[in-house]
Amino acid sequence: CPCAPCCRLDFARCEMTDVFGKVKVSNVVRATSTGLPSQTASLQEFAGGLDKDTLVAFRVESDQHTIEGCVWLALLDGKAFALEQDELHAGQHFQKDWTDVRGPPSPPSSWC
């Protein structure tokens, strides 16, 4: 749930219980990593499935929470790719060979 309390892990104060129901907290046995792909391999597999017009959700830092909550949606503008050189975007440093994916530069006029 992307409501503000759930983003703070305060599930008892969830603002969406009418929609999703009450949050049930449970404990599960942690799986071992034996036989599982590495996180890097999993990321590469995930990135390989990203394509133009794919809708993805991602968590944002707490100082970026607004009416959308802690999850933002992005409509991708193309396939994921490895950066050919270091890049600086919006004050963030992205290193060569990192996997990147781009969204549209601005919302289409039909969104307004």
Protein backbone atom coordinates (compact mmCIF):
# COMPACT_ATOMS: atom_id res chain seq x y z
CA CYS A 1 0.00 0.00 0.00
CA PRO A 2 1.44 3.42 -0.90
CA CYS A 3 -0.36 5.42 1.84
CA ALA A 4 1.87 7.54 4.10
CA PRO A 5 1.57 5.37 7.25
CA CYS A 6 2.34 2.14 5.34
CA CYS A 7 5.38 3.80 3.77
CA ARG A 8 6.58 4.36 7.35
CA LEU A 9 5.77 0.67 8.13
CA ASP A 10 2.98 1.84 10.45
CA PHE A 11 0.46 -0.67 9.09
CA ALA A 12 -1.92 -0.23 12.06
CA ARG A 13 -2.73 3.27 10.72
CA CYS A 14 -3.20 2.23 7.08
CA GLU A 15 -5.46 4.69 5.24
CA MET A 16 -6.57 2.12 2.67
CA THR A 17 -8.14 -0.59 4.86
CA ASP A 18 -11.51 0.04 3.19
CA VAL A 19 -9.93 -0.87 -0.13
CA PHE A 20 -7.42 -3.60 0.79
CA GLY A 21 -8.63 -4.80 4.18
CA LYS A 22 -6.61 -4.99 7.38
CA VAL A 23 -2.89 -5.73 7.06
CA LYS A 24 -1.92 -9.15 8.37
CA VAL A 25 1.63 -9.40 9.68
CA SER A 26 3.19 -12.86 9.75
CA ASN A 27 6.62 -14.39 10.20
CA VAL A 28 8.10 -16.71 7.60
CA VAL A 29 11.22 -18.82 7.57
CA ARG A 30 13.98 -17.08 5.64
CA ALA A 31 15.00 -18.92 2.48
CA THR A 32 18.65 -19.68 1.94
CA SER A 33 20.39 -18.38 -1.15
CA THR A 34 21.46 -21.87 -2.21
CA GLY A 35 20.33 -22.45 -5.78
CA LEU A 36 18.92 -18.95 -6.19
CA PRO A 37 20.32 -16.49 -8.74
CA SER A 38 22.48 -13.68 -7.40
CA GLN A 39 20.88 -10.27 -6.96
CA THR A 40 22.88 -9.00 -9.93
CA ALA A 41 21.65 -11.85 -12.13
CA SER A 42 18.08 -11.23 -10.98
CA LEU A 43 18.40 -7.53 -11.82
CA GLN A 44 19.74 -8.32 -15.29
CA GLU A 45 16.86 -10.74 -15.90
CA PHE A 46 14.36 -8.13 -14.69
CA ALA A 47 15.93 -5.44 -16.88
CA GLY A 48 15.80 -7.79 -19.87
CA GLY A 49 12.01 -7.89 -19.56
CA LEU A 50 11.58 -4.11 -19.62
CA ASP A 51 10.41 -2.66 -22.91
CA LYS A 52 8.76 0.41 -24.41
CA ASP A 53 5.31 1.18 -22.95
CA THR A 54 5.91 -1.01 -19.87
CA LEU A 55 4.39 0.52 -16.73
CA VAL A 56 6.65 0.12 -13.68
CA ALA A 57 6.31 1.16 -10.04
CA PHE A 58 9.22 2.19 -7.85
CA ARG A 59 9.65 3.36 -4.27
CA VAL A 60 10.86 6.89 -3.69
CA GLU A 61 12.81 8.46 -0.85
CA SER A 62 10.75 9.83 2.06
CA ASP A 63 11.58 13.45 1.19
CA GLN A 64 9.91 12.87 -2.20
CA HIS A 65 6.59 11.59 -0.79
CA THR A 66 3.70 13.70 -2.00
CA ILE A 67 0.07 12.91 -2.77
CA GLU A 68 1.25 9.86 -4.77
CA GLY A 69 2.67 8.28 -1.61
CA CYS A 70 5.91 6.29 -1.54
CA VAL A 71 5.39 4.66 -4.95
CA TRP A 72 5.65 6.41 -8.29
CA LEU A 73 4.63 4.99 -11.65
CA ALA A 74 6.67 5.39 -14.83
CA LEU A 75 5.80 4.52 -18.43
CA LEU A 76 9.01 3.42 -20.10
CA ASP A 77 10.14 4.97 -23.36
CA GLY A 78 12.34 2.07 -24.50
CA LYS A 79 14.29 -1.03 -23.50
CA ALA A 80 16.75 -1.16 -20.60
CA PHE A 81 20.38 -0.67 -21.65
CA ALA A 82 23.88 -0.48 -20.17
CA LEU A 83 25.32 3.02 -19.96
CA GLU A 84 28.26 3.51 -22.32
CA GLN A 85 29.79 6.25 -20.16
CA ASP A 86 29.33 7.93 -16.79
CA GLU A 87 26.36 10.32 -16.78
CA LEU A 88 25.00 13.01 -14.51
CA HIS A 89 21.22 13.38 -14.41
CA ALA A 90 19.23 15.54 -11.99
CA GLY A 91 22.27 15.77 -9.72
CA GLN A 92 22.73 11.99 -9.56
CA HIS A 93 25.84 10.20 -10.81
CA PHE A 94 25.24 7.11 -12.95
CA GLN A 95 28.27 4.95 -13.67
CA LYS A 96 29.32 3.34 -16.93
CA ASP A 97 27.84 -0.19 -17.35
CA TRP A 98 24.96 0.47 -14.94
CA THR A 99 21.62 -0.66 -16.33
CA ASP A 100 19.37 2.28 -17.17
CA VAL A 101 15.89 2.68 -18.58
CA ARG A 102 14.25 5.90 -19.70
CA GLY A 103 10.76 7.29 -19.41
CA PRO A 104 9.24 10.05 -21.52
CA PRO A 105 10.91 13.45 -20.98
CA SER A 106 7.62 15.06 -19.93
CA PRO A 107 3.96 14.03 -19.59
CA PRO A 108 2.07 13.92 -22.88
CA SER A 109 -0.32 16.82 -23.41
CA SER A 110 -3.22 14.35 -23.25
CA TRP A 111 -2.48 13.91 -19.51
CA CYS A 112 -3.26 17.57 -18.76
